[in-house]
């Protein structure tokens, strides 16, 4: 499978959409992107975050409680 085809299948979310999904502020999402905790692509002056990366982050962030 070519790289172009793989990128075409990726769904990108805005910072506002990520904040809504994660129930955090946009500033928190920006901090996560700048810290390298959440991969993002810069498009002009804004960022786009691959939806699968948001899902992976949430999956790996679950805390097992007693």
PDB file of N, CA and C in Angstrom:
ATOM      1  N   UNK A   1       0.856  -1.187   0.000  1.00  0.00           N
ATOM      2  CA  UNK A   1       0.000   0.000   0.000  1.00  0.00           C
ATOM      3  C   UNK A   1       0.891   1.235   0.000  1.00  0.00           C
ATOM      4  N   UNK A   2       0.572   2.191  -0.854  1.00  0.00           N
ATOM      5  CA  UNK A   2       1.408   3.378  -0.953  1.00  0.00           C
ATOM      6  C   UNK A   2       1.145   4.338   0.200  1.00  0.00           C
ATOM      7  N   UNK A   3       2.131   5.210   0.453  1.00  0.00           N
ATOM      8  CA  UNK A   3       2.010   6.200   1.521  1.00  0.00           C
ATOM      9  C   UNK A   3       0.855   7.155   1.241  1.00  0.00           C
ATOM     10  N   UNK A   4       0.687   7.533  -0.031  1.00  0.00           N
ATOM     11  CA  UNK A   4      -0.402   8.449  -0.385  1.00  0.00           C
ATOM     12  C   UNK A   4      -1.749   7.851  -0.039  1.00  0.00           C
ATOM     13  N   UNK A   5      -1.925   6.591  -0.317  1.00  0.00           N
ATOM     14  CA  UNK A   5      -3.205   5.910  -0.029  1.00  0.00           C
ATOM     15  C   UNK A   5      -3.426   5.825   1.474  1.00  0.00           C
ATOM     16  N   UNK A   6      -2.378   5.528   2.239  1.00  0.00           N
ATOM     17  CA  UNK A   6      -2.504   5.441   3.687  1.00  0.00           C
ATOM     18  C   UNK A   6      -2.896   6.794   4.279  1.00  0.00           C
ATOM     19  N   UNK A   7      -2.269   7.874   3.837  1.00  0.00           N
ATOM     20  CA  UNK A   7      -2.587   9.205   4.349  1.00  0.00           C
ATOM     21  C   UNK A   7      -4.001   9.621   3.968  1.00  0.00           C
ATOM     22  N   UNK A   8      -4.468   9.170   2.818  1.00  0.00           N
ATOM     23  CA  UNK A   8      -5.815   9.490   2.386  1.00  0.00           C
ATOM     24  C   UNK A   8      -6.881   8.863   3.262  1.00  0.00           C
ATOM     25  N   UNK A   9      -6.515   7.805   3.969  1.00  0.00           N
ATOM     26  CA  UNK A   9      -7.471   7.111   4.826  1.00  0.00           C
ATOM     27  C   UNK A   9      -7.457   7.635   6.257  1.00  0.00           C
ATOM     28  N   UNK A  10      -6.514   8.520   6.568  1.00  0.00           N
ATOM     29  CA  UNK A  10      -6.409   9.077   7.920  1.00  0.00           C
ATOM     30  C   UNK A  10      -7.424  10.199   8.065  1.00  0.00           C
ATOM     31  N   UNK A  11      -8.165  10.188   9.170  1.00  0.00           N
ATOM     32  CA  UNK A  11      -9.106  11.277   9.450  1.00  0.00           C
ATOM     33  C   UNK A  11      -8.438  12.219  10.441  1.00  0.00           C
ATOM     34  N   UNK A  12      -8.348  13.480  10.061  1.00  0.00           N
ATOM     35  CA  UNK A  12      -7.716  14.472  10.917  1.00  0.00           C
ATOM     36  C   UNK A  12      -8.770  15.280  11.665  1.00  0.00           C
ATOM     37  N   UNK A  13      -8.484  15.568  12.927  1.00  0.00           N
ATOM     38  CA  UNK A  13      -9.379  16.342  13.773  1.00  0.00           C
ATOM     39  C   UNK A  13      -8.746  17.680  14.116  1.00  0.00           C
ATOM     40  N   UNK A  14      -9.577  18.699  14.287  1.00  0.00           N
ATOM     41  CA  UNK A  14      -9.082  19.993  14.740  1.00  0.00           C
ATOM     42  C   UNK A  14      -8.815  19.917  16.244  1.00  0.00           C
ATOM     43  N   UNK A  15      -8.100  20.904  16.748  1.00  0.00           N
ATOM     44  CA  UNK A  15      -7.823  20.975  18.183  1.00  0.00           C
ATOM     45  C   UNK A  15      -9.137  21.064  18.958  1.00  0.00           C
ATOM     46  N   UNK A  16     -10.093  21.828  18.442  1.00  0.00           N
ATOM     47  CA  UNK A  16     -11.393  21.954  19.112  1.00  0.00           C
ATOM     48  C   UNK A  16     -12.125  20.612  19.165  1.00  0.00           C
ATOM     49  N   UNK A  17     -12.058  19.843  18.083  1.00  0.00           N
ATOM     50  CA  UNK A  17     -12.708  18.526  18.061  1.00  0.00           C
ATOM     51  C   UNK A  17     -12.047  17.577  19.053  1.00  0.00           C
ATOM     52  N   UNK A  18     -10.719  17.604  19.116  1.00  0.00           N
ATOM     53  CA  UNK A  18      -9.995  16.753  20.071  1.00  0.00           C
ATOM     54  C   UNK A  18     -10.366  17.144  21.498  1.00  0.00           C
ATOM     55  N   UNK A  19     -10.415  18.435  21.771  1.00  0.00           N
ATOM     56  CA  UNK A  19     -10.774  18.912  23.110  1.00  0.00           C
ATOM     57  C   UNK A  19     -12.166  18.445  23.490  1.00  0.00           C
ATOM     58  N   UNK A  20     -13.090  18.485  22.555  1.00  0.00           N
ATOM     59  CA  UNK A  20     -14.455  18.046  22.812  1.00  0.00           C
ATOM     60  C   UNK A  20     -14.510  16.543  23.104  1.00  0.00           C
ATOM     61  N   UNK A  21     -13.812  15.757  22.309  1.00  0.00           N
ATOM     62  CA  UNK A  21     -13.785  14.301  22.500  1.00  0.00           C
ATOM     63  C   UNK A  21     -13.185  13.934  23.852  1.00  0.00           C
ATOM     64  N   UNK A  22     -12.089  14.625  24.217  1.00  0.00           N
ATOM     65  CA  UNK A  22     -11.382  14.298  25.447  1.00  0.00           C
ATOM     66  C   UNK A  22     -11.954  15.018  26.672  1.00  0.00           C
ATOM     67  N   UNK A  23     -12.892  15.936  26.442  1.00  0.00           N
ATOM     68  CA  UNK A  23     -13.507  16.725  27.521  1.00  0.00           C
ATOM     69  C   UNK A  23     -12.465  17.532  28.292  1.00  0.00           C
ATOM     70  N   UNK A  24     -11.590  18.189  27.520  1.00  0.00           N
ATOM     71  CA  UNK A  24     -10.576  19.076  28.096  1.00  0.00           C
ATOM     72  C   UNK A  24     -10.606  20.393  27.311  1.00  0.00           C
ATOM     73  N   UNK A  25      -9.838  21.368  27.756  1.00  0.00           N
ATOM     74  CA  UNK A  25      -9.790  22.644  27.044  1.00  0.00           C
ATOM     75  C   UNK A  25      -8.888  22.538  25.820  1.00  0.00           C
ATOM     76  N   UNK A  26      -9.055  23.485  24.896  1.00  0.00           N
ATOM     77  CA  UNK A  26      -8.182  23.529  23.725  1.00  0.00           C
ATOM     78  C   UNK A  26      -6.739  23.760  24.155  1.00  0.00           C
ATOM     79  N   UNK A  27      -6.543  24.552  25.198  1.00  0.00           N
ATOM     80  CA  UNK A  27      -5.187  24.819  25.690  1.00  0.00           C
ATOM     81  C   UNK A  27      -4.507  23.522  26.134  1.00  0.00           C
ATOM     82  N   UNK A  28      -5.250  22.638  26.766  1.00  0.00           N
ATOM     83  CA  UNK A  28      -4.697  21.347  27.189  1.00  0.00           C
ATOM     84  C   UNK A  28      -4.240  20.544  25.977  1.00  0.00           C
ATOM     85  N   UNK A  29      -5.029  20.565  24.917  1.00  0.00           N
ATOM     86  CA  UNK A  29      -4.655  19.846  23.688  1.00  0.00           C
ATOM     87  C   UNK A  29      -3.386  20.460  23.096  1.00  0.00           C
ATOM     88  N   UNK A  30      -3.318  21.798  23.044  1.00  0.00           N
ATOM     89  CA  UNK A  30      -2.105  22.455  22.539  1.00  0.00           C
ATOM     90  C   UNK A  30      -0.893  22.062  23.369  1.00  0.00           C
ATOM     91  N   UNK A  31      -1.038  22.007  24.685  1.00  0.00           N
ATOM     92  CA  UNK A  31       0.077  21.599  25.554  1.00  0.00           C
ATOM     93  C   UNK A  31       0.517  20.179  25.243  1.00  0.00           C
ATOM     94  N   UNK A  32      -0.442  19.285  25.044  1.00  0.00           N
ATOM     95  CA  UNK A  32      -0.126  17.885  24.731  1.00  0.00           C
ATOM     96  C   UNK A  32       0.621  17.780  23.407  1.00  0.00           C
ATOM     97  N   UNK A  33       0.199  18.573  22.413  1.00  0.00           N
ATOM     98  CA  UNK A  33       0.861  18.562  21.103  1.00  0.00           C
ATOM     99  C   UNK A  33       2.288  19.087  21.232  1.00  0.00           C
ATOM    100  N   UNK A  34       2.456  20.222  21.909  1.00  0.00           N
ATOM    101  CA  UNK A  34       3.790  20.814  22.055  1.00  0.00           C
ATOM    102  C   UNK A  34       4.720  19.956  22.903  1.00  0.00           C
ATOM    103  N   UNK A  35       4.165  19.204  23.861  1.00  0.00           N
ATOM    104  CA  UNK A  35       4.976  18.325  24.704  1.00  0.00           C
ATOM    105  C   UNK A  35       5.331  17.022  23.986  1.00  0.00           C
ATOM    106  N   UNK A  36       4.689  16.769  22.845  1.00  0.00           N
ATOM    107  CA  UNK A  36       4.960  15.535  22.112  1.00  0.00           C
ATOM    108  C   UNK A  36       4.124  14.362  22.578  1.00  0.00           C
ATOM    109  N   UNK A  37       3.157  14.621  23.456  1.00  0.00           N
ATOM    110  CA  UNK A  37       2.294  13.544  23.951  1.00  0.00           C
ATOM    111  C   UNK A  37       1.249  13.132  22.920  1.00  0.00           C
ATOM    112  N   UNK A  38       0.914  14.057  22.034  1.00  0.00           N
ATOM    113  CA  UNK A  38      -0.100  13.813  21.013  1.00  0.00           C
ATOM    114  C   UNK A  38       0.447  14.295  19.666  1.00  0.00           C
ATOM    115  N   UNK A  39       0.705  13.374  18.739  1.00  0.00           N
ATOM    116  CA  UNK A  39       1.249  13.766  17.437  1.00  0.00           C
ATOM    117  C   UNK A  39       0.252  14.629  16.667  1.00  0.00           C
ATOM    118  N   UNK A  40       0.752  15.593  15.932  1.00  0.00           N
ATOM    119  CA  UNK A  40      -0.106  16.466  15.135  1.00  0.00           C
ATOM    120  C   UNK A  40       0.639  16.945  13.902  1.00  0.00           C
ATOM    121  N   UNK A  41      -0.134  17.389  12.937  1.00  0.00           N
ATOM    122  CA  UNK A  41       0.408  17.945  11.700  1.00  0.00           C
ATOM    123  C   UNK A  41       0.041  19.421  11.679  1.00  0.00           C
ATOM    124  N   UNK A  42       1.003  20.252  11.344  1.00  0.00           N
ATOM    125  CA  UNK A  42       0.725  21.684  11.265  1.00  0.00           C
ATOM    126  C   UNK A  42       0.196  22.002   9.863  1.00  0.00           C
ATOM    127  N   UNK A  43      -0.956  22.662   9.823  1.00  0.00           N
ATOM    128  CA  UNK A  43      -1.562  23.082   8.561  1.00  0.00           C
ATOM    129  C   UNK A  43      -1.737  24.588   8.653  1.00  0.00           C
ATOM    130  N   UNK A  44      -0.865  25.317   7.988  1.00  0.00           N
ATOM    131  CA  UNK A  44      -0.886  26.768   8.118  1.00  0.00           C
ATOM    132  C   UNK A  44      -0.542  27.152   9.543  1.00  0.00           C
ATOM    133  N   UNK A  45      -1.450  27.874  10.188  1.00  0.00           N
ATOM    134  CA  UNK A  45      -1.204  28.291  11.577  1.00  0.00           C
ATOM    135  C   UNK A  45      -1.915  27.391  12.589  1.00  0.00           C
ATOM    136  N   UNK A  46      -2.568  26.346  12.104  1.00  0.00           N
ATOM    137  CA  UNK A  46      -3.310  25.474  13.015  1.00  0.00           C
ATOM    138  C   UNK A  46      -2.756  24.054  12.986  1.00  0.00           C
ATOM    139  N   UNK A  47      -3.233  23.241  13.910  1.00  0.00           N
ATOM    140  CA  UNK A  47      -2.805  21.848  14.001  1.00  0.00           C
ATOM    141  C   UNK A  47      -3.963  20.924  13.669  1.00  0.00           C
ATOM    142  N   UNK A  48      -3.632  19.774  13.112  1.00  0.00           N
ATOM    143  CA  UNK A  48      -4.598  18.705  12.892  1.00  0.00           C
ATOM    144  C   UNK A  48      -4.022  17.450  13.532  1.00  0.00           C
ATOM    145  N   UNK A  49      -4.872  16.745  14.257  1.00  0.00           N
ATOM    146  CA  UNK A  49      -4.445  15.548  14.985  1.00  0.00           C
ATOM    147  C   UNK A  49      -5.120  14.337  14.354  1.00  0.00           C
ATOM    148  N   UNK A  50      -4.342  13.299  13.995  1.00  0.00           N
ATOM    149  CA  UNK A  50      -4.957  12.090  13.439  1.00  0.00           C
ATOM    150  C   UNK A  50      -5.898  11.451  14.475  1.00  0.00           C
ATOM    151  N   UNK A  51      -7.106  11.121  14.027  1.00  0.00           N
ATOM    152  CA  UNK A  51      -8.109  10.543  14.930  1.00  0.00           C
ATOM    153  C   UNK A  51      -7.607   9.271  15.603  1.00  0.00           C
ATOM    154  N   UNK A  52      -6.879   8.433  14.859  1.00  0.00           N
ATOM    155  CA  UNK A  52      -6.374   7.188  15.449  1.00  0.00           C
ATOM    156  C   UNK A  52      -5.376   7.455  16.576  1.00  0.00           C
ATOM    157  N   UNK A  53      -4.649   8.573  16.511  1.00  0.00           N
ATOM    158  CA  UNK A  53      -3.709   8.922  17.588  1.00  0.00           C
ATOM    159  C   UNK A  53      -4.456   9.342  18.851  1.00  0.00           C
ATOM    160  N   UNK A  54      -5.578  10.043  18.678  1.00  0.00           N
ATOM    161  CA  UNK A  54      -6.404  10.418  19.828  1.00  0.00           C
ATOM    162  C   UNK A  54      -6.949   9.155  20.489  1.00  0.00           C
ATOM    163  N   UNK A  55      -7.457   8.232  19.675  1.00  0.00           N
ATOM    164  CA  UNK A  55      -7.987   6.979  20.214  1.00  0.00           C
ATOM    165  C   UNK A  55      -6.906   6.175  20.922  1.00  0.00           C
ATOM    166  N   UNK A  56      -5.713   6.125  20.341  1.00  0.00           N
ATOM    167  CA  UNK A  56      -4.603   5.390  20.957  1.00  0.00           C
ATOM    168  C   UNK A  56      -4.200   6.027  22.283  1.00  0.00           C
ATOM    169  N   UNK A  57      -4.145   7.351  22.313  1.00  0.00           N
ATOM    170  CA  UNK A  57      -3.787   8.057  23.547  1.00  0.00           C
ATOM    171  C   UNK A  57      -4.791   7.734  24.648  1.00  0.00           C
ATOM    172  N   UNK A  58      -6.061   7.793  24.321  1.00  0.00           N
ATOM    173  CA  UNK A  58      -7.093   7.513  25.318  1.00  0.00           C
ATOM    174  C   UNK A  58      -7.043   6.057  25.781  1.00  0.00           C
ATOM    175  N   UNK A  59      -6.840   5.145  24.837  1.00  0.00           N
ATOM    176  CA  UNK A  59      -6.743   3.721  25.176  1.00  0.00           C
ATOM    177  C   UNK A  59      -5.586   3.460  26.144  1.00  0.00           C
ATOM    178  N   UNK A  60      -4.455   4.115  25.897  1.00  0.00           N
ATOM    179  CA  UNK A  60      -3.258   3.891  26.718  1.00  0.00           C
ATOM    180  C   UNK A  60      -3.272   4.691  28.025  1.00  0.00           C
ATOM    181  N   UNK A  61      -4.258   5.541  28.196  1.00  0.00           N
ATOM    182  CA  UNK A  61      -4.304   6.400  29.389  1.00  0.00           C
ATOM    183  C   UNK A  61      -5.230   5.873  30.478  1.00  0.00           C
ATOM    184  N   UNK A  62      -5.897   4.764  30.211  1.00  0.00           N
ATOM    185  CA  UNK A  62      -6.788   4.219  31.235  1.00  0.00           C
ATOM    186  C   UNK A  62      -6.010   3.841  32.489  1.00  0.00           C
ATOM    187  N   UNK A  63      -6.575   4.177  33.627  1.00  0.00           N
ATOM    188  CA  UNK A  63      -5.953   3.860  34.911  1.00  0.00           C
ATOM    189  C   UNK A  63      -6.793   2.791  35.587  1.00  0.00           C
ATOM    190  N   UNK A  64      -6.160   1.738  36.002  1.00  0.00           N
ATOM    191  CA  UNK A  64      -6.865   0.658  36.675  1.00  0.00           C
ATOM    192  C   UNK A  64      -7.065   1.051  38.147  1.00  0.00           C
ATOM    193  N   UNK A  65      -8.319   1.133  38.564  1.00  0.00           N
ATOM    194  CA  UNK A  65      -8.624   1.506  39.940  1.00  0.00           C
ATOM    195  C   UNK A  65      -9.115   0.296  40.716  1.00  0.00           C
ATOM    196  N   UNK A  66      -9.049   0.422  42.007  1.00  0.00           N
ATOM    197  CA  UNK A  66      -9.426  -0.714  42.859  1.00  0.00           C
ATOM    198  C   UNK A  66     -10.869  -0.957  42.894  1.00  0.00           C
TER     199      UNK A  66
END
